[in-house]
Amino acid sequence: MNRSGTKKVNVLATIHSVLYLVILIAVGTILLTAGEKSKSEKEKRELMKLPVLSTESVLSGKFMKDFSGYVTDQFPERERILELMDMVKNPFWVSDQGVKIVNFQNGAEAPGAVDDTTSGFDEGDVFDPNATGKMKNNLLIYDNKAYQLFGALPAFGKHYAKNVNKVFDMIGDSVKIYSMVFPSPAEFYVKGKYDSLSRSEKAFIDSLYSYLNPKIVRVDAYSELNRKKRDYLYFGTDHHWTARGAYQAYVAFCKSAGMKPKPLDTFKRKVKHDFVGSLYSYTRDPVLKENPDSVEYFISNTKNKVYFNYSNNFGAWQDGMLLNEKYNGASSYLVFTNGDVPVIKMITGVKNKRRILVIKESFGNAFVPFLINNFSEVYVADFRYFKFTIRQMLRDYKITDLLILNNSFSAATPFFTDRLVKMVDTPPGTFDINKELGKSNTKEKKKDKPKKTENKTEIPTVPDTTR
């Protein structure tokens, strides 16, 4: 770039920096001077109050969920302000004949126009091999959808398998143990010139499974997802799978467990529209907002009663719900089991005396509702917030089947896989998630960084932003 061009860019950068600062000051002033409102005259309802901060509310995810609602109520124009700030803070955004060029962290948008695609449930291809893409905040925006790119080496899968084997050794074969690791959407839909940005998740999963104890049942969710990959299996603005994606994993599990999956067309189908999820929040890319997702959920006619436990009291169950239909918009994924509940108990109308415990992360929220059609009792533990022990659950609830369910990114995260072993016998209240995460990060920094594979880019994991 010549000196004249450099001067112009510097002037633009200065102008944008000043504008960004002005907006920040204005927003701060509004929040400080407006004060907390108690009621919305327009909506005729009470507004949310600032939630009480406590260790329990933070670890359970309840504080952040309530705080998000509080900010929404007290500052309803925040989305527009954030969008304006996002545009202003990037001084190198230009547009020329429909081609957008952005100064991203890891590269620029490829040349060519972005094809318009319709989110929803249309028949036919769910991806366009000729679509253009761009990198933003370590994500690929491609074909009007956002993708996390997988960069884990096989050694991380081996470490995960080693820990699952430890769980098996500690528990024994008194229960049937299943391992399900499944891929992200990039595995199926990122093609062509962008394919080299992400490592093969199938190779990672196959390698991981090869290290598992032969007595552990390997659930082949990959094949079922791949078989139906032209369906709407993953969101485009959120890192989770859809209920249809979760259903394909349920089909795979039933095959492994010797059960018959309940046909999807026997459920009552409902839809929530205009969902923009975690990947939009992470990038704030306008292309994602212009192409929102829809959240399908399926209601079974199988009788069930659901209970939640947010405490460290093993008997402190409270009424819960399998599907909470009150959530809409950006919170729509919370319709599944009310979000990330530490422990869930489901008593069903199935009379086969089989009782399953599912150890899961947030992908499991859309998966576990299908299990009420095959087990007399279903227990669910979120390993990020679980406050009891696996052994205690197995003993007191006479568990017959144990499923350990993780997406490939979680399976490649040593902290999470190490936590799995601790859960077997670590009593309530003795595990500090923040302290342990700090230890894990320290260990990772001391390790030598793995060499990059040719034509492959190491992509860090995007944080789970559903909490």
Protein backbone atom coordinates (compact mmCIF):
# COMPACT_ATOMS: atom_id res chain seq x y z
CA MET A 1 0.00 0.00 0.00
CA ASN A 2 1.40 3.46 -0.89
CA ARG A 3 1.82 6.27 1.65
CA SER A 4 -1.33 8.03 0.48
CA GLY A 5 -3.35 4.87 0.99
CA THR A 6 -1.77 4.30 4.40
CA LYS A 7 -2.68 7.83 5.51
CA LYS A 8 -6.29 7.31 4.42
CA VAL A 9 -6.51 4.05 6.37
CA ASN A 10 -5.00 5.69 9.46
CA VAL A 11 -7.49 8.56 9.25
CA LEU A 12 -10.38 6.08 8.89
CA ALA A 13 -9.06 4.06 11.82
CA THR A 14 -8.89 7.20 13.98
CA ILE A 15 -12.43 8.25 13.02
CA HIS A 16 -13.81 4.79 13.76
CA SER A 17 -11.97 4.62 17.10
CA VAL A 18 -13.44 7.97 18.14
CA LEU A 19 -16.95 6.88 17.08
CA TYR A 20 -16.57 3.63 19.01
CA LEU A 21 -15.50 5.53 22.14
CA VAL A 22 -18.44 7.93 21.78
CA ILE A 23 -20.90 5.03 21.56
CA LEU A 24 -19.37 3.35 24.63
CA ILE A 25 -19.65 6.56 26.65
CA ALA A 26 -23.23 7.12 25.48
CA VAL A 27 -24.29 3.58 26.39
CA GLY A 28 -22.63 3.82 29.80
CA THR A 29 -24.33 7.15 30.48
CA ILE A 30 -27.74 5.74 29.55
CA LEU A 31 -27.31 2.78 31.88
CA LEU A 32 -26.10 4.92 34.77
CA THR A 33 -28.73 7.64 34.50
CA ALA A 34 -31.78 5.58 33.52
CA GLY A 35 -31.86 3.51 36.68
CA GLU A 36 -33.55 0.14 37.13
CA LYS A 37 -37.14 -0.06 35.90
CA SER A 38 -39.67 -2.25 37.68
CA LYS A 39 -42.49 -2.40 35.15
CA SER A 40 -43.05 -2.13 31.40
CA GLU A 41 -46.06 0.03 30.67
CA LYS A 42 -46.05 -1.04 27.04
CA GLU A 43 -46.02 -4.79 27.79
CA LYS A 44 -48.06 -4.53 31.01
CA ARG A 45 -45.71 -6.78 32.97
CA GLU A 46 -43.10 -6.72 35.74
CA LEU A 47 -39.50 -6.46 34.53
CA MET A 48 -36.75 -8.75 35.79
CA LYS A 49 -34.68 -7.56 38.74
CA LEU A 50 -30.91 -7.88 39.04
CA PRO A 51 -30.31 -11.53 40.08
CA VAL A 52 -28.48 -12.37 43.30
CA LEU A 53 -24.88 -13.43 42.71
CA SER A 54 -23.82 -16.63 44.46
CA THR A 55 -21.39 -19.48 43.84
CA GLU A 56 -24.25 -21.93 43.28
CA SER A 57 -26.08 -19.67 40.82
CA VAL A 58 -22.89 -19.09 38.81
CA LEU A 59 -21.86 -22.76 38.62
CA SER A 60 -25.37 -23.92 37.72
CA GLY A 61 -25.59 -21.33 34.94
CA LYS A 62 -28.73 -19.81 36.49
CA PHE A 63 -27.10 -16.43 37.20
CA MET A 64 -26.02 -15.83 33.59
CA LYS A 65 -29.41 -16.95 32.29
CA ASP A 66 -31.24 -14.58 34.67
CA PHE A 67 -28.74 -11.76 34.07
CA SER A 68 -29.29 -12.02 30.31
CA GLY A 69 -33.02 -11.62 30.89
CA TYR A 70 -32.38 -8.68 33.23
CA VAL A 71 -30.26 -6.86 30.63
CA THR A 72 -32.87 -7.56 27.96
CA ASP A 73 -35.59 -6.01 30.14
CA GLN A 74 -33.60 -3.06 31.42
CA PHE A 75 -31.91 -2.15 28.15
CA PRO A 76 -34.11 -3.37 25.29
CA GLU A 77 -32.19 -1.52 22.54
CA ARG A 78 -28.91 -3.22 23.37
CA GLU A 79 -28.93 -5.41 20.23
CA ARG A 80 -29.05 -2.41 17.92
CA ILE A 81 -26.32 -0.69 19.90
CA LEU A 82 -24.11 -3.81 19.78
CA GLU A 83 -24.61 -4.13 16.03
CA LEU A 84 -23.63 -0.49 15.55
CA MET A 85 -20.56 -0.96 17.74
CA ASP A 86 -19.59 -4.09 15.81
CA MET A 87 -19.71 -2.21 12.50
CA VAL A 88 -17.82 0.79 13.84
CA LYS A 89 -15.03 -1.07 15.63
CA ASN A 90 -13.77 -2.68 12.40
CA PRO A 91 -12.14 0.14 10.40
CA PHE A 92 -11.35 -1.94 7.32
CA TRP A 93 -14.88 -3.00 6.34
CA VAL A 94 -15.71 -2.05 2.77
CA SER A 95 -18.28 -3.22 0.26
CA ASP A 96 -17.88 -3.29 -3.49
CA GLN A 97 -20.53 -4.69 -5.83
CA GLY A 98 -21.81 -7.17 -3.26
CA VAL A 99 -18.35 -8.44 -2.26
CA LYS A 100 -17.59 -7.78 1.41
CA ILE A 101 -14.01 -7.62 2.64
CA VAL A 102 -13.36 -7.80 6.36
CA ASN A 103 -10.17 -7.53 8.41
CA PHE A 104 -10.52 -10.86 10.22
CA GLN A 105 -8.14 -12.41 12.69
CA ASN A 106 -7.27 -15.39 10.51
CA GLY A 107 -7.77 -14.24 6.94
CA ALA A 108 -10.13 -12.41 4.63
CA GLU A 109 -13.28 -13.24 2.85
CA ALA A 110 -12.79 -15.15 -0.37
CA PRO A 111 -13.75 -13.30 -3.56
CA GLY A 112 -17.18 -13.80 -5.03
CA ALA A 113 -20.76 -13.17 -4.05
CA VAL A 114 -22.37 -14.96 -1.14
CA ASP A 115 -25.32 -17.03 -2.31
CA ASP A 116 -28.58 -16.52 -0.49
CA THR A 117 -29.91 -19.67 1.19
CA THR A 118 -33.14 -20.16 3.02
CA SER A 119 -32.95 -21.56 6.54
CA GLY A 120 -35.71 -23.95 7.46
CA PHE A 121 -36.76 -27.34 6.21
CA ASP A 122 -36.45 -27.20 2.44
CA GLU A 123 -35.77 -30.40 0.56
CA GLY A 124 -32.50 -30.82 -1.30
CA ASP A 125 -28.94 -29.83 -0.55
CA VAL A 126 -28.23 -28.06 2.72
CA PHE A 127 -24.92 -26.77 1.41
CA ASP A 128 -23.58 -25.14 -1.73
CA PRO A 129 -20.13 -26.42 -2.85
CA ASN A 130 -19.54 -23.16 -4.74
CA ALA A 131 -20.34 -20.89 -1.80
CA THR A 132 -17.80 -18.37 -0.53
CA GLY A 133 -16.46 -18.13 2.99
CA LYS A 134 -14.51 -15.94 5.39
CA MET A 135 -12.79 -16.34 8.74
CA LYS A 136 -14.05 -14.38 11.72
CA ASN A 137 -13.07 -14.86 15.38
CA ASN A 138 -11.65 -18.29 14.49
CA LEU A 139 -14.90 -19.33 12.82
CA LEU A 140 -15.63 -19.88 9.15
CA ILE A 141 -18.66 -18.02 7.80
CA TYR A 142 -19.58 -20.17 4.82
CA ASP A 143 -22.78 -20.52 2.80
CA ASN A 144 -24.53 -18.12 5.23
CA LYS A 145 -23.69 -20.35 8.20
CA ALA A 146 -20.96 -20.34 10.85
CA TYR A 147 -18.69 -23.31 11.46
CA GLN A 148 -16.22 -24.22 14.17
CA LEU A 149 -13.13 -25.75 12.59
CA PHE A 150 -11.68 -28.86 14.18
CA GLY A 151 -7.95 -28.87 14.84
CA ALA A 152 -7.39 -31.61 17.45
CA LEU A 153 -4.69 -34.24 17.02
CA PRO A 154 -5.43 -37.98 17.52
CA ALA A 155 -3.52 -37.86 20.83
CA PHE A 156 -6.43 -35.95 22.39
CA GLY A 157 -8.82 -38.72 21.36
CA LYS A 158 -6.51 -41.31 22.88
CA HIS A 159 -6.51 -39.33 26.13
CA TYR A 160 -10.33 -39.27 26.12
CA ALA A 161 -10.50 -43.03 25.50
CA LYS A 162 -8.04 -43.63 28.33
CA ASN A 163 -10.31 -41.78 30.74
CA VAL A 164 -13.45 -43.60 29.58
CA ASN A 165 -11.54 -46.86 30.10
CA LYS A 166 -10.68 -45.70 33.63
CA VAL A 167 -14.38 -45.16 34.32
CA PHE A 168 -15.07 -48.70 33.10
CA ASP A 169 -12.30 -50.10 35.32
CA MET A 170 -13.63 -48.24 38.36
CA ILE A 171 -17.26 -49.24 37.82
CA GLY A 172 -16.84 -52.73 36.42
CA ASP A 173 -19.24 -54.51 34.10
CA SER A 174 -22.27 -54.34 36.41
CA VAL A 175 -23.74 -51.81 33.96
CA LYS A 176 -23.50 -51.63 30.19
CA ILE A 177 -21.31 -48.67 29.20
CA TYR A 178 -21.71 -46.86 25.88
CA SER A 179 -19.49 -44.16 24.39
CA MET A 180 -20.88 -41.74 21.80
CA VAL A 181 -18.65 -39.12 20.18
CA PHE A 182 -20.12 -37.25 17.24
CA PRO A 183 -18.87 -34.63 14.75
CA SER A 184 -19.59 -30.96 14.21
CA PRO A 185 -21.36 -29.76 11.02
CA ALA A 186 -18.08 -28.67 9.41
CA GLU A 187 -17.32 -32.36 8.87
CA PHE A 188 -20.25 -32.69 6.48
CA TYR A 189 -20.80 -29.26 4.97
CA VAL A 190 -17.48 -27.39 4.61
CA LYS A 191 -16.20 -28.41 1.19
CA GLY A 192 -13.90 -27.39 -1.64
CA LYS A 193 -11.12 -24.91 -0.98
CA TYR A 194 -12.07 -24.58 2.71
CA ASP A 195 -11.92 -28.30 3.49
CA SER A 196 -8.23 -28.12 4.39
CA LEU A 197 -8.94 -25.67 7.23
CA SER A 198 -10.36 -28.44 9.42
CA ARG A 199 -9.05 -31.87 10.37
CA SER A 200 -11.13 -34.98 9.75
CA GLU A 201 -13.45 -35.59 12.69
CA LYS A 202 -14.26 -39.07 11.40
CA ALA A 203 -10.58 -39.99 11.59
CA PHE A 204 -10.45 -38.52 15.10
CA ILE A 205 -13.52 -40.47 16.26
CA ASP A 206 -12.38 -43.73 14.63
CA SER A 207 -8.97 -43.39 16.27
CA LEU A 208 -10.56 -42.61 19.65
CA TYR A 209 -12.87 -45.62 19.43
CA SER A 210 -9.94 -47.90 18.60
CA TYR A 211 -8.44 -47.21 22.04
CA LEU A 212 -11.61 -48.03 24.00
CA ASN A 213 -11.92 -51.19 26.07
CA PRO A 214 -13.60 -53.84 23.86
CA LYS A 215 -16.39 -54.21 26.45
CA ILE A 216 -17.42 -50.57 25.98
CA VAL A 217 -20.07 -50.22 23.26
CA ARG A 218 -19.11 -47.72 20.56
CA VAL A 219 -22.14 -45.82 19.26
CA ASP A 220 -21.74 -44.98 15.58
CA ALA A 221 -23.60 -41.66 15.49
CA TYR A 222 -21.38 -40.49 12.64
CA SER A 223 -22.85 -42.91 10.11
CA GLU A 224 -26.46 -42.04 10.98
CA LEU A 225 -25.75 -38.31 10.75
CA ASN A 226 -23.88 -38.77 7.48
CA ARG A 227 -26.74 -40.83 6.06
CA LYS A 228 -29.18 -37.97 6.70
CA LYS A 229 -26.79 -35.06 6.15
CA ARG A 230 -29.09 -33.41 3.61
CA ASP A 231 -31.64 -32.92 6.39
CA TYR A 232 -31.60 -29.98 8.80
CA LEU A 233 -29.26 -31.60 11.36
CA TYR A 234 -27.28 -28.60 12.64
CA PHE A 235 -27.98 -24.93 13.21
CA GLY A 236 -26.26 -22.31 11.08
CA THR A 237 -26.02 -19.63 13.79
CA ASP A 238 -25.42 -21.89 16.81
CA HIS A 239 -22.87 -24.59 17.63
CA HIS A 240 -25.48 -27.23 18.56
CA TRP A 241 -27.27 -29.82 16.50
CA THR A 242 -30.99 -29.55 15.87
CA ALA A 243 -33.57 -31.97 17.24
CA ARG A 244 -33.29 -33.83 13.92
CA GLY A 245 -29.56 -34.21 14.42
CA ALA A 246 -30.12 -35.41 17.98
CA TYR A 247 -32.74 -37.86 16.67
CA GLN A 248 -30.22 -39.46 14.29
CA ALA A 249 -27.86 -39.93 17.25
CA TYR A 250 -30.79 -41.49 19.15
CA VAL A 251 -31.35 -43.91 16.25
CA ALA A 252 -27.66 -44.88 16.38
CA PHE A 253 -27.84 -45.41 20.13
CA CYS A 254 -30.94 -47.60 19.87
CA LYS A 255 -29.16 -49.80 17.33
CA SER A 256 -26.22 -50.19 19.71
CA ALA A 257 -28.49 -50.88 22.70
CA GLY A 258 -30.68 -53.44 20.91
CA MET A 259 -33.73 -51.19 21.00
CA LYS A 260 -36.22 -49.96 18.43
CA PRO A 261 -36.24 -46.17 17.94
CA LYS A 262 -39.62 -44.48 18.01
CA PRO A 263 -40.36 -43.21 14.46
CA LEU A 264 -40.03 -39.45 14.17
CA ASP A 265 -43.35 -39.13 12.36
CA THR A 266 -45.17 -40.42 15.45
CA PHE A 267 -44.16 -37.33 17.46
CA LYS A 268 -46.04 -34.04 17.52
CA ARG A 269 -43.80 -31.51 15.78
CA LYS A 270 -43.55 -27.86 16.83
CA VAL A 271 -41.29 -25.05 15.61
CA LYS A 272 -39.86 -21.82 17.01
CA HIS A 273 -38.62 -19.36 14.40
CA ASP A 274 -36.04 -16.55 14.30
CA PHE A 275 -33.39 -18.28 16.40
CA VAL A 276 -29.88 -16.82 16.28
CA GLY A 277 -27.55 -18.64 18.62
CA SER A 278 -24.08 -18.80 20.11
CA LEU A 279 -22.08 -18.44 16.90
CA TYR A 280 -23.91 -15.26 16.00
CA SER A 281 -23.29 -13.95 19.53
CA TYR A 282 -19.61 -14.84 19.15
CA THR A 283 -19.16 -13.17 15.75
CA ARG A 284 -22.09 -10.74 15.51
CA ASP A 285 -21.86 -11.25 11.76
CA PRO A 286 -24.85 -9.64 9.97
CA VAL A 287 -24.99 -12.52 7.45
CA LEU A 288 -25.95 -14.86 10.29
CA LYS A 289 -28.59 -12.51 11.63
CA GLU A 290 -30.11 -12.25 8.16
CA ASN A 291 -30.31 -16.05 7.98
CA PRO A 292 -31.82 -17.13 11.32
CA ASP A 293 -32.47 -20.73 12.29
CA SER A 294 -35.68 -22.44 13.31
CA VAL A 295 -35.83 -24.69 16.37
CA GLU A 296 -37.92 -27.82 15.88
CA TYR A 297 -38.91 -29.91 18.86
CA PHE A 298 -40.85 -33.15 18.98
CA ILE A 299 -43.39 -34.09 21.65
CA SER A 300 -43.82 -37.78 22.45
CA ASN A 301 -47.06 -39.41 23.56
CA THR A 302 -45.11 -41.55 26.06
CA LYS A 303 -46.10 -40.72 29.63
CA ASN A 304 -43.35 -39.09 31.67
CA LYS A 305 -42.72 -37.14 34.84
CA VAL A 306 -39.59 -34.98 35.03
CA TYR A 307 -37.64 -33.72 38.06
CA PHE A 308 -34.66 -31.34 38.34
CA ASN A 309 -31.96 -31.11 41.02
CA TYR A 310 -29.89 -27.92 41.24
CA SER A 311 -28.50 -28.53 44.76
CA ASN A 312 -25.90 -30.74 46.42
CA ASN A 313 -28.69 -32.51 48.32
CA PHE A 314 -29.20 -35.90 46.69
CA GLY A 315 -32.90 -35.96 47.56
CA ALA A 316 -33.78 -32.34 46.72
CA TRP A 317 -35.78 -32.92 43.55
CA GLN A 318 -38.16 -30.31 42.18
CA ASP A 319 -40.70 -30.49 39.37
CA GLY A 320 -39.13 -30.03 35.95
CA MET A 321 -40.13 -30.35 32.32
CA LEU A 322 -38.85 -32.26 29.33
CA LEU A 323 -39.58 -29.40 26.92
CA ASN A 324 -40.02 -25.84 28.19
CA GLU A 325 -42.00 -24.04 25.50
CA LYS A 326 -41.76 -20.58 27.11
CA TYR A 327 -38.40 -19.86 25.45
CA ASN A 328 -38.28 -17.97 22.16
CA GLY A 329 -35.88 -16.09 19.90
CA ALA A 330 -32.22 -16.28 20.89
CA SER A 331 -33.11 -18.49 23.89
CA SER A 332 -35.01 -21.10 21.86
CA TYR A 333 -32.45 -23.91 22.37
CA LEU A 334 -33.32 -23.78 26.08
CA VAL A 335 -36.64 -25.41 25.19
CA PHE A 336 -34.77 -28.72 25.54
CA THR A 337 -34.78 -29.73 29.24
CA ASN A 338 -34.82 -26.06 30.30
CA GLY A 339 -31.15 -25.74 29.39
CA ASP A 340 -28.20 -27.07 31.36
CA VAL A 341 -29.69 -28.62 34.51
CA PRO A 342 -27.09 -30.37 36.76
CA VAL A 343 -29.18 -33.53 37.28
CA ILE A 344 -32.47 -34.64 35.71
CA LYS A 345 -34.71 -37.58 36.58
CA MET A 346 -37.39 -38.85 34.17
CA ILE A 347 -39.93 -41.48 35.18
CA THR A 348 -41.70 -42.88 32.12
CA GLY A 349 -44.54 -45.20 31.20
CA VAL A 350 -42.15 -47.79 29.73
CA LYS A 351 -42.19 -51.05 31.74
CA ASN A 352 -38.91 -52.73 30.82
CA LYS A 353 -36.99 -52.07 34.08
CA ARG A 354 -34.09 -50.56 32.15
CA ARG A 355 -32.69 -47.41 33.72
CA ILE A 356 -30.10 -45.27 31.96
CA LEU A 357 -27.71 -42.59 33.21
CA VAL A 358 -26.48 -40.17 30.53
CA ILE A 359 -23.33 -38.13 31.18
CA LYS A 360 -23.52 -35.23 28.74
CA GLU A 361 -22.77 -31.62 27.80
CA SER A 362 -25.22 -29.19 26.21
CA PHE A 363 -25.68 -31.24 23.02
CA GLY A 364 -27.33 -33.84 25.22
CA ASN A 365 -30.21 -31.47 26.01
CA ALA A 366 -31.79 -32.12 22.61
CA PHE A 367 -30.92 -35.83 22.74
CA VAL A 368 -32.19 -37.09 26.09
CA PRO A 369 -35.92 -36.33 25.52
CA PHE A 370 -36.04 -39.17 22.97
CA LEU A 371 -34.90 -41.73 25.58
CA ILE A 372 -38.21 -41.64 27.47
CA ASN A 373 -39.60 -43.90 24.73
CA ASN A 374 -37.19 -46.74 25.53
CA PHE A 375 -36.35 -46.72 29.26
CA SER A 376 -38.48 -46.95 32.38
CA GLU A 377 -36.27 -44.33 34.03
CA VAL A 378 -33.83 -41.82 32.53
CA TYR A 379 -31.22 -39.95 34.59
CA VAL A 380 -29.13 -37.14 33.11
CA ALA A 381 -25.98 -35.59 34.58
CA ASP A 382 -24.28 -32.54 33.08
CA PHE A 383 -20.61 -33.14 33.84
CA ARG A 384 -19.96 -29.38 34.09
CA TYR A 385 -22.37 -28.89 37.02
CA PHE A 386 -22.85 -32.40 38.47
CA LYS A 387 -22.58 -32.34 42.29
CA PHE A 388 -22.89 -36.01 43.21
CA THR A 389 -20.93 -39.09 42.12
CA ILE A 390 -21.52 -41.50 39.28
CA ARG A 391 -21.14 -44.43 41.66
CA GLN A 392 -23.82 -42.97 43.94
CA MET A 393 -26.22 -42.59 41.01
CA LEU A 394 -25.57 -46.12 39.75
CA ARG A 395 -26.12 -47.64 43.18
CA ASP A 396 -29.13 -45.70 44.42
CA TYR A 397 -31.09 -45.74 41.18
CA LYS A 398 -30.12 -49.26 40.07
CA ILE A 399 -28.81 -48.04 36.73
CA THR A 400 -28.55 -50.70 34.00
CA ASP A 401 -27.06 -48.59 31.18
CA LEU A 402 -24.51 -45.75 31.22
CA LEU A 403 -24.04 -43.52 28.17
CA ILE A 404 -21.15 -41.06 27.96
CA LEU A 405 -22.06 -38.55 25.26
CA ASN A 406 -19.75 -35.83 23.89
CA ASN A 407 -19.23 -33.81 20.75
CA SER A 408 -15.79 -34.04 19.17
CA PHE A 409 -14.66 -30.67 20.56
CA SER A 410 -15.45 -31.69 24.15
CA ALA A 411 -13.81 -35.09 23.60
CA ALA A 412 -10.67 -33.23 22.54
CA THR A 413 -10.60 -31.02 25.66
CA PRO A 414 -8.43 -32.65 28.39
CA PHE A 415 -10.05 -30.74 31.26
CA PHE A 416 -13.47 -32.14 30.46
CA THR A 417 -12.22 -35.68 29.92
CA ASP A 418 -10.23 -35.62 33.17
CA ARG A 419 -13.33 -34.39 34.98
CA LEU A 420 -15.15 -37.53 33.83
CA VAL A 421 -12.88 -39.74 35.94
CA LYS A 422 -13.22 -37.47 38.99
CA MET A 423 -17.01 -37.74 38.79
CA VAL A 424 -16.98 -41.45 39.62
CA ASP A 425 -16.06 -41.03 43.29
CA THR A 426 -15.59 -37.31 43.98
CA PRO A 427 -18.16 -36.42 46.68
CA PRO A 428 -20.31 -33.27 46.46
CA GLY A 429 -18.64 -29.98 47.27
CA THR A 430 -15.03 -31.13 46.90
CA PHE A 431 -14.56 -30.30 43.24
CA ASP A 432 -13.84 -26.66 42.37
CA ILE A 433 -14.47 -26.30 38.62
CA ASN A 434 -12.67 -22.94 38.38
CA LYS A 435 -9.64 -24.19 40.30
CA GLU A 436 -9.39 -27.33 38.20
CA LEU A 437 -9.80 -25.40 34.96
CA GLY A 438 -6.91 -23.19 36.03
CA LYS A 439 -4.75 -26.26 36.66
CA SER A 440 -5.66 -27.68 33.28
CA ASN A 441 -4.73 -24.46 31.50
CA THR A 442 -1.40 -24.36 33.35
CA LYS A 443 -0.61 -27.92 32.29
CA GLU A 444 -1.45 -27.18 28.68
CA LYS A 445 0.85 -24.14 28.62
CA LYS A 446 3.78 -26.26 29.84
CA LYS A 447 3.34 -28.81 27.07
CA ASP A 448 5.12 -28.38 23.78
CA LYS A 449 2.78 -27.21 21.09
CA PRO A 450 2.08 -29.92 18.49
CA LYS A 451 3.45 -29.36 15.03
CA LYS A 452 0.94 -28.17 12.49
CA THR A 453 0.03 -30.56 9.73
CA GLU A 454 0.68 -29.27 6.23
CA ASN A 455 -2.28 -27.30 4.83
CA LYS A 456 -4.09 -27.59 8.16
CA THR A 457 -4.85 -24.73 10.52
CA GLU A 458 -4.93 -25.18 14.30
CA ILE A 459 -8.29 -23.78 15.37
CA PRO A 460 -9.03 -23.29 19.09
CA THR A 461 -12.29 -24.47 20.53
CA VAL A 462 -15.04 -21.86 20.68
CA PRO A 463 -16.42 -21.63 24.24
CA ASP A 464 -19.82 -23.09 25.01
CA THR A 465 -21.93 -19.93 25.13
CA THR A 466 -25.28 -21.49 25.94
CA ARG A 467 -24.90 -21.03 29.65
